[in-house]
Amino acid sequence: MNRRNWGLKDMRHSEQPEINKHFAWFPFKSTSGKILWFTYYYHEIIYTNVEPKHRWRNEKIYTEWEYFVKKLTD
């Protein structure tokens, strides 16, 4: 019997956040609405799957203080 994969093995499913630290050269806003400029910030990405063909990506941008408080509360 030939079974199809439907791309299930190629999809990434992770509830663990992928966190990267970046430096803000140009001004932009974080998720909380604060303006980031010439400072470090944290970019958090969480991948979730709803069905085999749908992949959601939740992104959040934290300042250094917000990320510090988040790590203390987790």
PDB file of N, CA and C in Angstrom:
ATOM      1  N   MET A   1       0.845  -1.174   0.000  1.00  0.00           N
ATOM      2  CA  MET A   1       0.000   0.000   0.000  1.00  0.00           C
ATOM      3  C   MET A   1       0.892   1.240   0.000  1.00  0.00           C
ATOM      4  N   ASN A   2       0.640   2.158  -0.898  1.00  0.00           N
ATOM      5  CA  ASN A   2       1.425   3.370  -1.024  1.00  0.00           C
ATOM      6  C   ASN A   2       0.783   4.493  -0.212  1.00  0.00           C
ATOM      7  N   ARG A   3       1.494   4.948   0.813  1.00  0.00           N
ATOM      8  CA  ARG A   3       0.972   6.039   1.637  1.00  0.00           C
ATOM      9  C   ARG A   3       1.705   7.317   1.303  1.00  0.00           C
ATOM     10  N   ARG A   4       0.975   8.381   1.293  1.00  0.00           N
ATOM     11  CA  ARG A   4       1.580   9.671   0.984  1.00  0.00           C
ATOM     12  C   ARG A   4       2.045  10.342   2.267  1.00  0.00           C
ATOM     13  N   ASN A   5       3.101  11.105   2.142  1.00  0.00           N
ATOM     14  CA  ASN A   5       3.651  11.807   3.288  1.00  0.00           C
ATOM     15  C   ASN A   5       2.928  13.128   3.536  1.00  0.00           C
ATOM     16  N   TRP A   6       2.463  13.775   2.490  1.00  0.00           N
ATOM     17  CA  TRP A   6       1.806  15.073   2.540  1.00  0.00           C
ATOM     18  C   TRP A   6       2.690  16.138   3.163  1.00  0.00           C
ATOM     19  N   GLY A   7       4.005  15.947   3.188  1.00  0.00           N
ATOM     20  CA  GLY A   7       4.927  16.961   3.687  1.00  0.00           C
ATOM     21  C   GLY A   7       4.993  17.078   5.188  1.00  0.00           C
ATOM     22  N   LEU A   8       4.521  16.077   5.917  1.00  0.00           N
ATOM     23  CA  LEU A   8       4.505  16.184   7.372  1.00  0.00           C
ATOM     24  C   LEU A   8       5.903  16.173   7.973  1.00  0.00           C
ATOM     25  N   LYS A   9       6.830  15.432   7.399  1.00  0.00           N
ATOM     26  CA  LYS A   9       8.169  15.352   7.961  1.00  0.00           C
ATOM     27  C   LYS A   9       8.994  16.600   7.673  1.00  0.00           C
ATOM     28  N   ASP A  10       8.587  17.361   6.659  1.00  0.00           N
ATOM     29  CA  ASP A  10       9.339  18.554   6.312  1.00  0.00           C
ATOM     30  C   ASP A  10       8.938  19.765   7.145  1.00  0.00           C
ATOM     31  N   MET A  11       7.818  19.691   7.826  1.00  0.00           N
ATOM     32  CA  MET A  11       7.334  20.835   8.578  1.00  0.00           C
ATOM     33  C   MET A  11       8.006  20.906   9.936  1.00  0.00           C
ATOM     34  N   ARG A  12       8.167  22.115  10.408  1.00  0.00           N
ATOM     35  CA  ARG A  12       8.804  22.334  11.695  1.00  0.00           C
ATOM     36  C   ARG A  12       7.724  22.587  12.736  1.00  0.00           C
ATOM     37  N   HIS A  13       7.726  21.828  13.791  1.00  0.00           N
ATOM     38  CA  HIS A  13       6.767  22.011  14.875  1.00  0.00           C
ATOM     39  C   HIS A  13       7.552  22.180  16.162  1.00  0.00           C
ATOM     40  N   SER A  14       7.422  23.337  16.752  1.00  0.00           N
ATOM     41  CA  SER A  14       8.185  23.595  17.958  1.00  0.00           C
ATOM     42  C   SER A  14       7.408  24.538  18.854  1.00  0.00           C
ATOM     43  N   GLU A  15       7.255  24.167  20.072  1.00  0.00           N
ATOM     44  CA  GLU A  15       6.661  25.067  21.049  1.00  0.00           C
ATOM     45  C   GLU A  15       7.755  25.813  21.810  1.00  0.00           C
ATOM     46  N   GLN A  16       9.004  25.426  21.621  1.00  0.00           N
ATOM     47  CA  GLN A  16      10.116  26.121  22.243  1.00  0.00           C
ATOM     48  C   GLN A  16      10.433  27.376  21.441  1.00  0.00           C
ATOM     49  N   PRO A  17      10.580  28.519  22.101  1.00  0.00           N
ATOM     50  CA  PRO A  17      10.848  29.750  21.353  1.00  0.00           C
ATOM     51  C   PRO A  17      12.268  29.788  20.792  1.00  0.00           C
ATOM     52  N   GLU A  18      12.372  30.393  19.641  1.00  0.00           N
ATOM     53  CA  GLU A  18      13.674  30.653  19.028  1.00  0.00           C
ATOM     54  C   GLU A  18      13.980  32.127  19.294  1.00  0.00           C
ATOM     55  N   ILE A  19      14.995  32.411  20.115  1.00  0.00           N
ATOM     56  CA  ILE A  19      15.260  33.767  20.568  1.00  0.00           C
ATOM     57  C   ILE A  19      16.605  34.228  20.017  1.00  0.00           C
ATOM     58  N   ASN A  20      16.598  35.400  19.387  1.00  0.00           N
ATOM     59  CA  ASN A  20      17.816  35.990  18.836  1.00  0.00           C
ATOM     60  C   ASN A  20      17.991  37.393  19.397  1.00  0.00           C
ATOM     61  N   LYS A  21      19.247  37.748  19.679  1.00  0.00           N
ATOM     62  CA  LYS A  21      19.561  39.082  20.179  1.00  0.00           C
ATOM     63  C   LYS A  21      20.105  39.906  19.019  1.00  0.00           C
ATOM     64  N   HIS A  22      19.529  41.101  18.815  1.00  0.00           N
ATOM     65  CA  HIS A  22      19.923  41.971  17.716  1.00  0.00           C
ATOM     66  C   HIS A  22      20.210  43.372  18.246  1.00  0.00           C
ATOM     67  N   PHE A  23      20.886  44.169  17.420  1.00  0.00           N
ATOM     68  CA  PHE A  23      21.114  45.576  17.728  1.00  0.00           C
ATOM     69  C   PHE A  23      20.271  46.419  16.789  1.00  0.00           C
ATOM     70  N   ALA A  24      19.567  47.399  17.333  1.00  0.00           N
ATOM     71  CA  ALA A  24      18.676  48.251  16.537  1.00  0.00           C
ATOM     72  C   ALA A  24      19.438  49.460  16.016  1.00  0.00           C
ATOM     73  N   TRP A  25      19.754  49.459  14.729  1.00  0.00           N
ATOM     74  CA  TRP A  25      20.419  50.606  14.105  1.00  0.00           C
ATOM     75  C   TRP A  25      19.405  51.662  13.692  1.00  0.00           C
ATOM     76  N   PHE A  26      18.236  51.223  13.271  1.00  0.00           N
ATOM     77  CA  PHE A  26      17.179  52.131  12.853  1.00  0.00           C
ATOM     78  C   PHE A  26      16.034  52.038  13.848  1.00  0.00           C
ATOM     79  N   PRO A  27      15.327  53.138  14.102  1.00  0.00           N
ATOM     80  CA  PRO A  27      14.243  53.093  15.096  1.00  0.00           C
ATOM     81  C   PRO A  27      13.040  52.289  14.608  1.00  0.00           C
ATOM     82  N   PHE A  28      12.508  51.478  15.490  1.00  0.00           N
ATOM     83  CA  PHE A  28      11.257  50.765  15.251  1.00  0.00           C
ATOM     84  C   PHE A  28      10.646  50.409  16.590  1.00  0.00           C
ATOM     85  N   LYS A  29       9.408  49.920  16.571  1.00  0.00           N
ATOM     86  CA  LYS A  29       8.673  49.664  17.806  1.00  0.00           C
ATOM     87  C   LYS A  29       8.733  48.202  18.198  1.00  0.00           C
ATOM     88  N   SER A  30       8.747  47.980  19.506  1.00  0.00           N
ATOM     89  CA  SER A  30       8.670  46.615  20.022  1.00  0.00           C
ATOM     90  C   SER A  30       7.204  46.207  20.091  1.00  0.00           C
ATOM     91  N   THR A  31       6.952  45.006  20.558  1.00  0.00           N
ATOM     92  CA  THR A  31       5.588  44.509  20.669  1.00  0.00           C
ATOM     93  C   THR A  31       4.778  45.328  21.677  1.00  0.00           C
ATOM     94  N   SER A  32       5.439  45.836  22.706  1.00  0.00           N
ATOM     95  CA  SER A  32       4.741  46.633  23.723  1.00  0.00           C
ATOM     96  C   SER A  32       4.537  48.083  23.295  1.00  0.00           C
ATOM     97  N   GLY A  33       5.143  48.501  22.183  1.00  0.00           N
ATOM     98  CA  GLY A  33       4.958  49.856  21.693  1.00  0.00           C
ATOM     99  C   GLY A  33       6.112  50.795  21.990  1.00  0.00           C
ATOM    100  N   LYS A  34       7.148  50.324  22.665  1.00  0.00           N
ATOM    101  CA  LYS A  34       8.298  51.172  22.962  1.00  0.00           C
ATOM    102  C   LYS A  34       9.183  51.299  21.724  1.00  0.00           C
ATOM    103  N   ILE A  35       9.800  52.460  21.570  1.00  0.00           N
ATOM    104  CA  ILE A  35      10.669  52.699  20.422  1.00  0.00           C
ATOM    105  C   ILE A  35      12.077  52.217  20.749  1.00  0.00           C
ATOM    106  N   LEU A  36      12.640  51.417  19.852  1.00  0.00           N
ATOM    107  CA  LEU A  36      13.993  50.874  20.015  1.00  0.00           C
ATOM    108  C   LEU A  36      14.912  51.561  19.012  1.00  0.00           C
ATOM    109  N   TRP A  37      16.023  52.090  19.517  1.00  0.00           N
ATOM    110  CA  TRP A  37      16.982  52.755  18.641  1.00  0.00           C
ATOM    111  C   TRP A  37      18.328  52.771  19.334  1.00  0.00           C
ATOM    112  N   PHE A  38      19.359  52.293  18.674  1.00  0.00           N
ATOM    113  CA  PHE A  38      20.727  52.188  19.196  1.00  0.00           C
ATOM    114  C   PHE A  38      20.765  51.421  20.515  1.00  0.00           C
ATOM    115  N   THR A  39      20.072  50.313  20.539  1.00  0.00           N
ATOM    116  CA  THR A  39      20.055  49.459  21.724  1.00  0.00           C
ATOM    117  C   THR A  39      19.834  48.009  21.286  1.00  0.00           C
ATOM    118  N   TYR A  40      20.086  47.089  22.183  1.00  0.00           N
ATOM    119  CA  TYR A  40      19.857  45.675  21.892  1.00  0.00           C
ATOM    120  C   TYR A  40      18.411  45.318  22.188  1.00  0.00           C
ATOM    121  N   TYR A  41      17.892  44.357  21.429  1.00  0.00           N
ATOM    122  CA  TYR A  41      16.546  43.858  21.646  1.00  0.00           C
ATOM    123  C   TYR A  41      16.536  42.361  21.360  1.00  0.00           C
ATOM    124  N   TYR A  42      15.484  41.689  21.828  1.00  0.00           N
ATOM    125  CA  TYR A  42      15.337  40.250  21.648  1.00  0.00           C
ATOM    126  C   TYR A  42      14.149  39.973  20.739  1.00  0.00           C
ATOM    127  N   HIS A  43      14.363  39.118  19.761  1.00  0.00           N
ATOM    128  CA  HIS A  43      13.334  38.731  18.796  1.00  0.00           C
ATOM    129  C   HIS A  43      12.984  37.270  19.058  1.00  0.00           C
ATOM    130  N   GLU A  44      11.751  37.029  19.482  1.00  0.00           N
ATOM    131  CA  GLU A  44      11.298  35.683  19.831  1.00  0.00           C
ATOM    132  C   GLU A  44      10.345  35.180  18.758  1.00  0.00           C
ATOM    133  N   ILE A  45      10.582  33.967  18.265  1.00  0.00           N
ATOM    134  CA  ILE A  45       9.720  33.348  17.261  1.00  0.00           C
ATOM    135  C   ILE A  45       9.281  31.981  17.787  1.00  0.00           C
ATOM    136  N   ILE A  46       7.973  31.738  17.753  1.00  0.00           N
ATOM    137  CA  ILE A  46       7.426  30.441  18.154  1.00  0.00           C
ATOM    138  C   ILE A  46       6.654  29.881  16.967  1.00  0.00           C
ATOM    139  N   TYR A  47       7.017  28.688  16.514  1.00  0.00           N
ATOM    140  CA  TYR A  47       6.333  28.022  15.415  1.00  0.00           C
ATOM    141  C   TYR A  47       5.304  27.055  15.975  1.00  0.00           C
ATOM    142  N   THR A  48       4.089  27.105  15.422  1.00  0.00           N
ATOM    143  CA  THR A  48       3.051  26.161  15.811  1.00  0.00           C
ATOM    144  C   THR A  48       2.348  25.647  14.563  1.00  0.00           C
ATOM    145  N   ASN A  49       1.850  24.437  14.625  1.00  0.00           N
ATOM    146  CA  ASN A  49       1.105  23.834  13.525  1.00  0.00           C
ATOM    147  C   ASN A  49      -0.345  23.671  13.935  1.00  0.00           C
ATOM    148  N   VAL A  50      -1.230  24.030  13.028  1.00  0.00           N
ATOM    149  CA  VAL A  50      -2.653  23.848  13.274  1.00  0.00           C
ATOM    150  C   VAL A  50      -3.126  22.578  12.586  1.00  0.00           C
ATOM    151  N   GLU A  51      -2.814  22.452  11.333  1.00  0.00           N
ATOM    152  CA  GLU A  51      -3.112  21.273  10.530  1.00  0.00           C
ATOM    153  C   GLU A  51      -1.831  20.919   9.797  1.00  0.00           C
ATOM    154  N   PRO A  52      -1.811  19.837   9.076  1.00  0.00           N
ATOM    155  CA  PRO A  52      -0.576  19.494   8.367  1.00  0.00           C
ATOM    156  C   PRO A  52      -0.125  20.527   7.338  1.00  0.00           C
ATOM    157  N   LYS A  53      -1.042  21.313   6.805  1.00  0.00           N
ATOM    158  CA  LYS A  53      -0.657  22.252   5.765  1.00  0.00           C
ATOM    159  C   LYS A  53      -0.543  23.694   6.248  1.00  0.00           C
ATOM    160  N   HIS A  54      -0.805  23.968   7.517  1.00  0.00           N
ATOM    161  CA  HIS A  54      -0.773  25.336   8.022  1.00  0.00           C
ATOM    162  C   HIS A  54       0.300  25.467   9.093  1.00  0.00           C
ATOM    163  N   ARG A  55       1.162  26.441   8.923  1.00  0.00           N
ATOM    164  CA  ARG A  55       2.189  26.709   9.927  1.00  0.00           C
ATOM    165  C   ARG A  55       2.042  28.154  10.380  1.00  0.00           C
ATOM    166  N   TRP A  56       1.874  28.357  11.666  1.00  0.00           N
ATOM    167  CA  TRP A  56       1.755  29.695  12.217  1.00  0.00           C
ATOM    168  C   TRP A  56       3.071  30.075  12.844  1.00  0.00           C
ATOM    169  N   ARG A  57       3.357  31.369  12.785  1.00  0.00           N
ATOM    170  CA  ARG A  57       4.596  31.901  13.332  1.00  0.00           C
ATOM    171  C   ARG A  57       4.248  33.104  14.197  1.00  0.00           C
ATOM    172  N   ASN A  58       4.439  32.981  15.505  1.00  0.00           N
ATOM    173  CA  ASN A  58       4.171  34.071  16.443  1.00  0.00           C
ATOM    174  C   ASN A  58       5.481  34.780  16.740  1.00  0.00           C
ATOM    175  N   GLU A  59       5.534  36.073  16.463  1.00  0.00           N
ATOM    176  CA  GLU A  59       6.747  36.854  16.682  1.00  0.00           C
ATOM    177  C   GLU A  59       6.505  37.915  17.743  1.00  0.00           C
ATOM    178  N   LYS A  60       7.484  38.089  18.617  1.00  0.00           N
ATOM    179  CA  LYS A  60       7.442  39.130  19.634  1.00  0.00           C
ATOM    180  C   LYS A  60       8.819  39.765  19.726  1.00  0.00           C
ATOM    181  N   ILE A  61       8.827  41.061  19.940  1.00  0.00           N
ATOM    182  CA  ILE A  61      10.074  41.803  20.082  1.00  0.00           C
ATOM    183  C   ILE A  61      10.096  42.422  21.471  1.00  0.00           C
ATOM    184  N   TYR A  62      11.142  42.117  22.237  1.00  0.00           N
ATOM    185  CA  TYR A  62      11.273  42.588  23.607  1.00  0.00           C
ATOM    186  C   TYR A  62      12.475  43.518  23.739  1.00  0.00           C
ATOM    187  N   THR A  63      12.348  44.517  24.620  1.00  0.00           N
ATOM    188  CA  THR A  63      13.515  45.298  25.015  1.00  0.00           C
ATOM    189  C   THR A  63      14.337  44.432  25.980  1.00  0.00           C
ATOM    190  N   GLU A  64      15.517  44.903  26.327  1.00  0.00           N
ATOM    191  CA  GLU A  64      16.342  44.117  27.252  1.00  0.00           C
ATOM    192  C   GLU A  64      15.670  43.981  28.611  1.00  0.00           C
ATOM    193  N   TRP A  65      15.038  45.040  29.093  1.00  0.00           N
ATOM    194  CA  TRP A  65      14.361  44.986  30.388  1.00  0.00           C
ATOM    195  C   TRP A  65      13.155  44.058  30.348  1.00  0.00           C
ATOM    196  N   GLU A  66      12.352  44.145  29.292  1.00  0.00           N
ATOM    197  CA  GLU A  66      11.181  43.279  29.166  1.00  0.00           C
ATOM    198  C   GLU A  66      11.580  41.807  29.085  1.00  0.00           C
ATOM    199  N   TYR A  67      12.666  41.528  28.383  1.00  0.00           N
ATOM    200  CA  TYR A  67      13.126  40.139  28.293  1.00  0.00           C
ATOM    201  C   TYR A  67      13.650  39.644  29.634  1.00  0.00           C
ATOM    202  N   PHE A  68      14.325  40.512  30.382  1.00  0.00           N
ATOM    203  CA  PHE A  68      14.816  40.164  31.705  1.00  0.00           C
ATOM    204  C   PHE A  68      13.649  39.821  32.636  1.00  0.00           C
ATOM    205  N   VAL A  69      12.606  40.642  32.624  1.00  0.00           N
ATOM    206  CA  VAL A  69      11.433  40.383  33.458  1.00  0.00           C
ATOM    207  C   VAL A  69      10.716  39.111  33.007  1.00  0.00           C
ATOM    208  N   LYS A  70      10.643  38.870  31.704  1.00  0.00           N
ATOM    209  CA  LYS A  70      10.018  37.666  31.186  1.00  0.00           C
ATOM    210  C   LYS A  70      10.759  36.410  31.645  1.00  0.00           C
ATOM    211  N   LYS A  71      12.098  36.445  31.622  1.00  0.00           N
ATOM    212  CA  LYS A  71      12.875  35.287  32.083  1.00  0.00           C
ATOM    213  C   LYS A  71      12.719  35.066  33.585  1.00  0.00           C
ATOM    214  N   LEU A  72      12.530  36.132  34.353  1.00  0.00           N
ATOM    215  CA  LEU A  72      12.313  35.970  35.787  1.00  0.00           C
ATOM    216  C   LEU A  72      10.954  35.349  36.089  1.00  0.00           C
ATOM    217  N   THR A  73       9.940  35.688  35.302  1.00  0.00           N
ATOM    218  CA  THR A  73       8.603  35.170  35.581  1.00  0.00           C
ATOM    219  C   THR A  73       8.404  33.756  35.036  1.00  0.00           C
ATOM    220  N   ASP A  74       9.210  33.318  34.073  1.00  0.00           N
ATOM    221  CA  ASP A  74       9.046  31.966  33.515  1.00  0.00           C
ATOM    222  C   ASP A  74       9.633  30.937  34.400  1.00  0.00           C
TER     223      ASP A  74
END
